[in-house]
Amino acid sequence: MRRGTALLLALAWVLVLWACQAAVGGRLVVVPWLALAPLAASLVLTWRGTAAVAAAVVLAVTQLSAATGDLWTGFGGIRVAGGAALSAFAVFSAHVRVRREAHIRAVTEVATVAQAAIQPPVPARVGHVALASRYVSASADALVGGDLFDVVAADGGVRLIVGDARGKGLPAVHVAAAVLSAFRLSAPRVDVPLEEVARHLEAAITPRLAEEDFVTAVLCELHPSGRLDIVRCGHPAPLRLVAGRTPEEVGNHSCPPLGLGVEPVVESTVLRAGERLLLHTDGLVEARDAEGRFFDVLRAASALVPSGGAPAEALDADLEGLLEKVRAHVGGTLTDDVAVLLVEALEG
């Protein structure tokens, strides 16, 4: 509701109550209802708007008390003084609320900048690969968390990472930022094979990890030839999506997570032009409905299988459709962050 509309409604409320009491006369029964106006106004209006409503209430109570002849008696004075005190409290509350909202906006702006620095949007295309990504935080107050993803070009091919730092809050964000920083430094280098990238990541984050903390991750490299190399470090396997076939997991071998003594093993398969790859964090597979049933990722991913000649631009809409299914499954509120990356190999 706009503040101008709210102010008019509050003043109309005061006017209607005052008019009804003036018309009926007798015992003042509307005073408690008049007192609601500045309190309600303080929830949506600035302190100036609340003060205008408060002044109208005090004037109405004063006039009604004068009309009954008890303005200068004990009851009348107490009634007016009580209305004035309550109105002053409402104005102060509105002032505090406005300052708090301004502070929250400032913090949110800083968080937005931090998110852009830590987890910038993935481009729609890198080399011969089309991409779509989403990060959905389980907290309405958080823009970024421990889930992560990124894509870099490397020697004509493309390298990708999706990961999940164990834990919550700022410690998980710090670890996720360290993983992404190390990935961006080592992944573009043609002299660093994919398994060495995983070792570089572990070396970068180990000093930052608390006891029993770790990072699960899956690293992929898609070569121009269509060869797909995969290194899994305790992370859910990617899903290959091929027209006319059910989604299938690729990368059967999983080494320990980063931070727990990773021994990376590279597995190779093929991702041909027109085929897709879905990478995600465990927030997707562990999403539960009200009865405790897990989200069926394989079934939902069937809708992502490319149809003949589907444009790469459809990736974004398809990925949003997947997230809508997750939200519907859990009833709208996620209990864990979800990061998803949808990849489609292109011709040439």
Protein backbone atom coordinates (compact mmCIF):
# COMPACT_ATOMS: atom_id res chain seq x y z
CA MET A 1 0.00 0.00 0.00
CA ARG A 2 1.31 3.46 -0.86
CA ARG A 3 1.97 5.79 2.03
CA GLY A 4 -0.34 8.47 0.64
CA THR A 5 -3.22 6.01 0.53
CA ALA A 6 -2.42 4.76 4.03
CA LEU A 7 -2.42 8.33 5.37
CA LEU A 8 -5.80 9.07 3.80
CA LEU A 9 -7.28 5.85 5.19
CA ALA A 10 -6.02 6.61 8.70
CA LEU A 11 -7.39 10.16 8.62
CA ALA A 12 -10.69 8.88 7.22
CA TRP A 13 -10.86 6.37 10.09
CA VAL A 14 -10.44 9.20 12.61
CA LEU A 15 -13.00 11.40 10.85
CA VAL A 16 -15.64 8.66 10.63
CA LEU A 17 -15.28 7.71 14.30
CA TRP A 18 -15.38 11.35 15.38
CA ALA A 19 -18.48 12.02 13.27
CA CYS A 20 -20.28 8.93 14.60
CA GLN A 21 -19.55 9.85 18.21
CA ALA A 22 -20.55 13.49 17.65
CA ALA A 23 -23.82 12.41 16.05
CA VAL A 24 -24.73 9.88 18.74
CA GLY A 25 -23.43 11.81 21.74
CA GLY A 26 -23.44 10.35 25.21
CA ARG A 27 -20.62 8.26 26.66
CA LEU A 28 -17.39 8.35 24.68
CA VAL A 29 -17.00 4.81 23.34
CA VAL A 30 -14.83 5.51 20.29
CA VAL A 31 -11.70 6.69 22.10
CA PRO A 32 -10.02 3.24 22.18
CA TRP A 33 -10.76 2.85 18.46
CA LEU A 34 -9.35 6.29 17.74
CA ALA A 35 -6.16 5.26 19.53
CA LEU A 36 -5.63 2.49 17.00
CA ALA A 37 -5.13 4.99 14.17
CA PRO A 38 -1.65 6.34 15.11
CA LEU A 39 -0.48 2.87 16.13
CA ALA A 40 -1.52 1.42 12.78
CA ALA A 41 -0.05 4.42 10.96
CA SER A 42 3.32 3.89 12.64
CA LEU A 43 3.60 0.52 10.89
CA VAL A 44 3.59 1.99 7.38
CA LEU A 45 3.99 5.78 7.49
CA THR A 46 6.96 8.01 8.20
CA TRP A 47 7.08 9.81 11.52
CA ARG A 48 5.65 12.93 9.84
CA GLY A 49 2.67 11.04 8.45
CA THR A 50 2.15 9.33 11.80
CA ALA A 51 2.35 12.72 13.52
CA ALA A 52 -0.43 14.03 11.26
CA VAL A 53 -2.67 11.11 12.22
CA ALA A 54 -1.70 11.52 15.89
CA ALA A 55 -2.58 15.22 15.82
CA ALA A 56 -5.98 14.41 14.31
CA VAL A 57 -6.63 11.87 17.06
CA VAL A 58 -5.66 14.26 19.86
CA LEU A 59 -7.85 16.99 18.36
CA ALA A 60 -10.78 14.57 18.01
CA VAL A 61 -10.48 13.35 21.60
CA THR A 62 -10.16 16.92 22.86
CA GLN A 63 -13.23 18.10 20.94
CA LEU A 64 -15.34 15.13 22.00
CA SER A 65 -14.32 15.58 25.63
CA ALA A 66 -15.20 19.27 25.44
CA ALA A 67 -18.57 18.41 23.91
CA THR A 68 -19.41 16.14 26.85
CA GLY A 69 -18.38 18.84 29.31
CA ASP A 70 -15.68 16.85 31.09
CA LEU A 71 -12.60 18.23 29.31
CA TRP A 72 -11.34 19.90 32.47
CA THR A 73 -12.43 17.15 34.83
CA GLY A 74 -10.20 14.31 35.91
CA PHE A 75 -11.58 11.85 33.37
CA GLY A 76 -11.42 14.25 30.46
CA GLY A 77 -7.87 15.33 31.19
CA ILE A 78 -6.73 11.73 31.60
CA ARG A 79 -8.41 10.82 28.31
CA VAL A 80 -6.66 13.61 26.39
CA ALA A 81 -3.31 13.04 28.10
CA GLY A 82 -3.52 9.31 27.38
CA GLY A 83 -4.29 9.95 23.73
CA ALA A 84 -1.37 12.38 23.47
CA ALA A 85 1.04 9.95 25.14
CA LEU A 86 -0.04 7.07 22.91
CA SER A 87 0.27 9.29 19.86
CA ALA A 88 3.77 10.37 20.87
CA PHE A 89 4.75 6.72 21.27
CA ALA A 90 3.40 5.96 17.79
CA VAL A 91 5.43 8.82 16.27
CA PHE A 92 8.58 7.59 18.01
CA SER A 93 7.92 4.02 16.83
CA ALA A 94 7.53 5.21 13.24
CA HIS A 95 10.83 7.10 13.49
CA VAL A 96 12.64 4.01 14.80
CA ARG A 97 11.06 1.81 12.12
CA VAL A 98 12.08 4.13 9.29
CA ARG A 99 15.68 4.27 10.55
CA ARG A 100 15.79 0.48 10.84
CA GLU A 101 14.42 0.04 7.32
CA ALA A 102 17.04 2.45 5.97
CA HIS A 103 19.76 0.45 7.72
CA ILE A 104 18.42 -2.81 6.29
CA ARG A 105 18.37 -1.31 2.79
CA ALA A 106 21.99 -0.21 3.18
CA VAL A 107 23.04 -3.64 4.42
CA THR A 108 21.14 -5.30 1.57
CA GLU A 109 22.91 -3.11 -0.98
CA VAL A 110 26.27 -4.11 0.49
CA ALA A 111 25.22 -7.77 0.42
CA THR A 112 24.17 -7.44 -3.22
CA VAL A 113 27.58 -6.04 -4.13
CA ALA A 114 29.26 -8.81 -2.12
CA GLN A 115 27.18 -11.43 -3.91
CA ALA A 116 28.16 -10.02 -7.29
CA ALA A 117 31.82 -10.21 -6.26
CA ILE A 118 31.64 -13.70 -4.73
CA GLN A 119 29.10 -15.32 -7.04
CA PRO A 120 28.72 -13.27 -10.24
CA PRO A 121 26.11 -14.35 -12.79
CA VAL A 122 27.23 -17.05 -15.19
CA PRO A 123 27.27 -15.83 -18.82
CA ALA A 124 24.72 -17.28 -21.22
CA ARG A 125 27.50 -18.70 -23.37
CA VAL A 126 31.15 -19.61 -22.93
CA GLY A 127 32.86 -21.01 -26.00
CA HIS A 128 30.82 -23.86 -27.45
CA VAL A 129 28.63 -24.18 -24.36
CA ALA A 130 25.29 -22.51 -23.51
CA LEU A 131 24.58 -22.00 -19.81
CA ALA A 132 21.88 -21.14 -17.30
CA SER A 133 22.31 -20.93 -13.54
CA ARG A 134 20.31 -20.25 -10.41
CA TYR A 135 21.16 -19.73 -6.75
CA VAL A 136 18.23 -19.95 -4.34
CA SER A 137 18.94 -19.16 -0.70
CA ALA A 138 16.93 -20.93 1.99
CA SER A 139 17.06 -17.73 4.06
CA ALA A 140 14.98 -14.75 3.03
CA ASP A 141 17.62 -12.50 4.63
CA ALA A 142 20.58 -14.01 2.77
CA LEU A 143 21.63 -13.41 -0.81
CA VAL A 144 24.62 -15.70 -0.84
CA GLY A 145 25.69 -18.75 1.16
CA GLY A 146 27.91 -21.80 1.02
CA ASP A 147 26.75 -23.13 -2.35
CA LEU A 148 28.83 -22.11 -5.36
CA PHE A 149 29.26 -22.46 -9.10
CA ASP A 150 31.40 -20.97 -11.83
CA VAL A 151 32.45 -21.44 -15.45
CA VAL A 152 35.72 -20.51 -17.18
CA ALA A 153 37.13 -20.99 -20.67
CA ALA A 154 40.23 -23.20 -20.88
CA ASP A 155 42.26 -24.11 -23.98
CA GLY A 156 39.30 -24.04 -26.34
CA GLY A 157 37.13 -25.94 -23.89
CA VAL A 158 35.11 -25.04 -20.82
CA ARG A 159 35.64 -25.90 -17.16
CA LEU A 160 32.84 -25.83 -14.61
CA ILE A 161 32.47 -26.24 -10.89
CA VAL A 162 29.49 -26.67 -8.60
CA GLY A 163 30.13 -27.05 -4.89
CA ASP A 164 28.73 -26.84 -1.39
CA ALA A 165 30.68 -25.66 1.66
CA ARG A 166 29.57 -27.42 4.81
CA GLY A 167 28.07 -25.12 7.41
CA LYS A 168 26.00 -21.96 7.49
CA GLY A 169 26.46 -18.22 7.64
CA LEU A 170 29.62 -16.21 7.09
CA PRO A 171 32.10 -19.08 7.68
CA ALA A 172 30.53 -21.03 4.81
CA VAL A 173 30.52 -17.90 2.63
CA HIS A 174 34.24 -17.34 3.31
CA VAL A 175 35.08 -20.92 2.36
CA ALA A 176 32.93 -20.76 -0.79
CA ALA A 177 34.67 -17.53 -1.80
CA ALA A 178 38.07 -19.19 -1.31
CA VAL A 179 37.04 -22.12 -3.52
CA LEU A 180 35.85 -19.83 -6.29
CA SER A 181 38.98 -17.69 -6.08
CA ALA A 182 41.25 -20.73 -6.36
CA PHE A 183 39.16 -22.14 -9.21
CA ARG A 184 39.37 -18.89 -11.18
CA LEU A 185 43.14 -18.86 -10.77
CA SER A 186 43.89 -22.47 -11.70
CA ALA A 187 41.07 -23.62 -14.00
CA PRO A 188 41.93 -21.38 -17.00
CA ARG A 189 45.53 -22.64 -17.07
CA VAL A 190 46.14 -25.16 -19.84
CA ASP A 191 49.12 -26.61 -17.95
CA VAL A 192 46.95 -27.61 -14.97
CA PRO A 193 44.91 -30.80 -15.59
CA LEU A 194 41.49 -31.13 -14.00
CA GLU A 195 42.67 -33.36 -11.16
CA GLU A 196 45.34 -30.80 -10.29
CA VAL A 197 42.70 -28.10 -10.18
CA ALA A 198 40.98 -30.13 -7.46
CA ARG A 199 44.24 -30.37 -5.52
CA HIS A 200 44.76 -26.62 -5.84
CA LEU A 201 41.29 -26.04 -4.44
CA GLU A 202 41.97 -28.22 -1.44
CA ALA A 203 45.29 -26.51 -0.77
CA ALA A 204 43.60 -23.12 -0.92
CA ILE A 205 40.77 -23.87 1.50
CA THR A 206 42.35 -26.26 4.02
CA PRO A 207 43.81 -23.45 6.18
CA ARG A 208 40.39 -21.82 6.31
CA LEU A 209 38.41 -24.87 7.36
CA ALA A 210 37.29 -25.44 10.92
CA GLU A 211 37.48 -28.94 12.37
CA GLU A 212 35.15 -31.36 10.55
CA ASP A 213 34.40 -28.80 7.83
CA PHE A 214 34.76 -29.65 4.16
CA VAL A 215 33.52 -28.74 0.68
CA THR A 216 31.82 -31.11 -1.71
CA ALA A 217 32.36 -30.27 -5.37
CA VAL A 218 32.11 -31.58 -8.89
CA LEU A 219 34.47 -30.29 -11.56
CA CYS A 220 33.83 -30.81 -15.26
CA GLU A 221 35.76 -30.05 -18.42
CA LEU A 222 34.03 -30.13 -21.78
CA HIS A 223 36.46 -30.31 -24.69
CA PRO A 224 35.71 -29.08 -28.23
CA SER A 225 35.73 -32.73 -29.32
CA GLY A 226 32.77 -33.46 -27.03
CA ARG A 227 34.78 -35.34 -24.41
CA LEU A 228 33.54 -34.63 -20.91
CA ASP A 229 35.95 -35.08 -17.99
CA ILE A 230 34.52 -35.24 -14.47
CA VAL A 231 36.06 -35.11 -11.00
CA ARG A 232 33.64 -35.69 -8.12
CA CYS A 233 34.63 -34.81 -4.58
CA GLY A 234 31.80 -36.12 -2.42
CA HIS A 235 29.24 -34.25 -4.51
CA PRO A 236 26.02 -35.42 -6.22
CA ALA A 237 26.69 -36.74 -9.71
CA PRO A 238 25.78 -34.58 -12.72
CA LEU A 239 22.88 -35.68 -14.88
CA ARG A 240 23.30 -36.11 -18.62
CA LEU A 241 20.16 -35.18 -20.54
CA VAL A 242 19.82 -36.66 -24.01
CA ALA A 243 16.78 -36.43 -26.29
CA GLY A 244 14.78 -39.65 -26.31
CA ARG A 245 16.47 -41.04 -23.18
CA THR A 246 15.87 -40.81 -19.46
CA PRO A 247 18.31 -38.66 -17.47
CA GLU A 248 21.38 -40.57 -16.34
CA GLU A 249 24.07 -39.91 -13.78
CA VAL A 250 27.62 -39.53 -15.06
CA GLY A 251 30.79 -39.70 -13.00
CA ASN A 252 30.33 -42.85 -10.93
CA HIS A 253 33.51 -42.52 -8.89
CA SER A 254 33.54 -40.08 -5.99
CA CYS A 255 36.64 -39.20 -4.01
CA PRO A 256 36.52 -37.56 -0.54
CA PRO A 257 35.36 -33.95 -0.30
CA LEU A 258 37.82 -31.08 -0.46
CA GLY A 259 39.49 -30.63 2.89
CA LEU A 260 39.42 -34.32 3.80
CA GLY A 261 42.41 -35.47 1.79
CA VAL A 262 41.13 -35.42 -1.76
CA GLU A 263 42.48 -38.04 -4.17
CA PRO A 264 40.92 -36.90 -7.43
CA VAL A 265 40.07 -39.38 -10.16
CA VAL A 266 39.11 -38.19 -13.63
CA GLU A 267 36.31 -40.03 -15.42
CA SER A 268 35.59 -39.36 -19.06
CA THR A 269 32.41 -39.63 -21.09
CA VAL A 270 30.86 -37.74 -24.01
CA LEU A 271 28.50 -34.78 -24.25
CA ARG A 272 27.55 -34.26 -27.87
CA ALA A 273 26.14 -31.12 -29.44
CA GLY A 274 22.51 -30.68 -28.41
CA GLU A 275 22.91 -32.71 -25.21
CA ARG A 276 22.67 -31.19 -21.76
CA LEU A 277 24.28 -31.59 -18.36
CA LEU A 278 22.63 -30.67 -15.05
CA LEU A 279 24.87 -29.96 -12.07
CA HIS A 280 23.36 -29.19 -8.68
CA THR A 281 23.98 -29.10 -4.94
CA ASP A 282 22.41 -31.47 -2.43
CA GLY A 283 19.78 -28.89 -1.53
CA LEU A 284 17.94 -30.08 -4.62
CA VAL A 285 17.96 -33.81 -3.87
CA GLU A 286 17.30 -33.29 -0.14
CA ALA A 287 14.27 -31.04 -0.57
CA ARG A 288 11.33 -32.66 1.25
CA ASP A 289 7.60 -32.19 1.21
CA ALA A 290 5.35 -32.03 4.28
CA GLU A 291 5.34 -35.84 4.52
CA GLY A 292 9.13 -36.08 4.42
CA ARG A 293 9.42 -37.38 0.85
CA PHE A 294 12.50 -36.30 -1.08
CA PHE A 295 12.26 -34.39 -4.34
CA ASP A 296 12.53 -36.75 -7.32
CA VAL A 297 15.32 -35.06 -9.25
CA LEU A 298 15.51 -37.69 -12.00
CA ARG A 299 11.81 -37.39 -12.74
CA ALA A 300 11.87 -33.59 -12.68
CA ALA A 301 14.98 -33.51 -14.84
CA SER A 302 13.10 -35.38 -17.56
CA ALA A 303 11.47 -32.05 -18.43
CA LEU A 304 14.95 -30.66 -19.11
CA VAL A 305 15.78 -33.26 -21.75
CA PRO A 306 16.25 -31.25 -24.96
CA SER A 307 13.67 -31.71 -27.67
CA GLY A 308 14.70 -31.70 -31.30
CA GLY A 309 16.02 -28.31 -32.33
CA ALA A 310 15.27 -26.63 -28.98
CA PRO A 311 17.14 -23.31 -28.89
CA ALA A 312 19.84 -22.83 -26.30
CA GLU A 313 17.89 -19.80 -25.06
CA ALA A 314 15.33 -22.23 -23.63
CA LEU A 315 17.83 -23.24 -20.94
CA ASP A 316 16.90 -20.37 -18.66
CA ALA A 317 13.16 -21.04 -18.84
CA ASP A 318 13.68 -24.78 -18.40
CA LEU A 319 15.81 -24.23 -15.30
CA GLU A 320 13.26 -21.87 -13.80
CA GLY A 321 10.63 -24.54 -14.40
CA LEU A 322 12.72 -27.03 -12.42
CA LEU A 323 12.96 -24.64 -9.47
CA GLU A 324 9.22 -24.02 -9.56
CA LYS A 325 8.72 -27.77 -9.17
CA VAL A 326 11.06 -27.80 -6.17
CA ARG A 327 9.19 -24.94 -4.52
CA ALA A 328 5.87 -26.66 -5.15
CA HIS A 329 7.24 -29.89 -3.66
CA VAL A 330 8.42 -28.25 -0.42
CA GLY A 331 5.43 -25.95 -0.12
CA GLY A 332 7.28 -22.79 -1.06
CA THR A 333 10.02 -22.64 1.59
CA LEU A 334 13.37 -24.36 1.11
CA THR A 335 15.32 -25.62 4.12
CA ASP A 336 18.69 -25.59 2.35
CA ASP A 337 20.34 -23.48 -0.31
CA VAL A 338 20.09 -24.74 -3.88
CA ALA A 339 22.57 -24.03 -6.66
CA VAL A 340 21.95 -25.41 -10.14
CA LEU A 341 23.86 -25.12 -13.40
CA LEU A 342 22.37 -26.29 -16.70
CA VAL A 343 24.76 -26.76 -19.62
CA GLU A 344 24.12 -27.48 -23.30
CA ALA A 345 26.84 -28.38 -25.78
CA LEU A 346 26.60 -26.46 -29.03
CA GLU A 347 27.80 -27.15 -32.54
CA GLY A 348 31.33 -26.04 -33.32
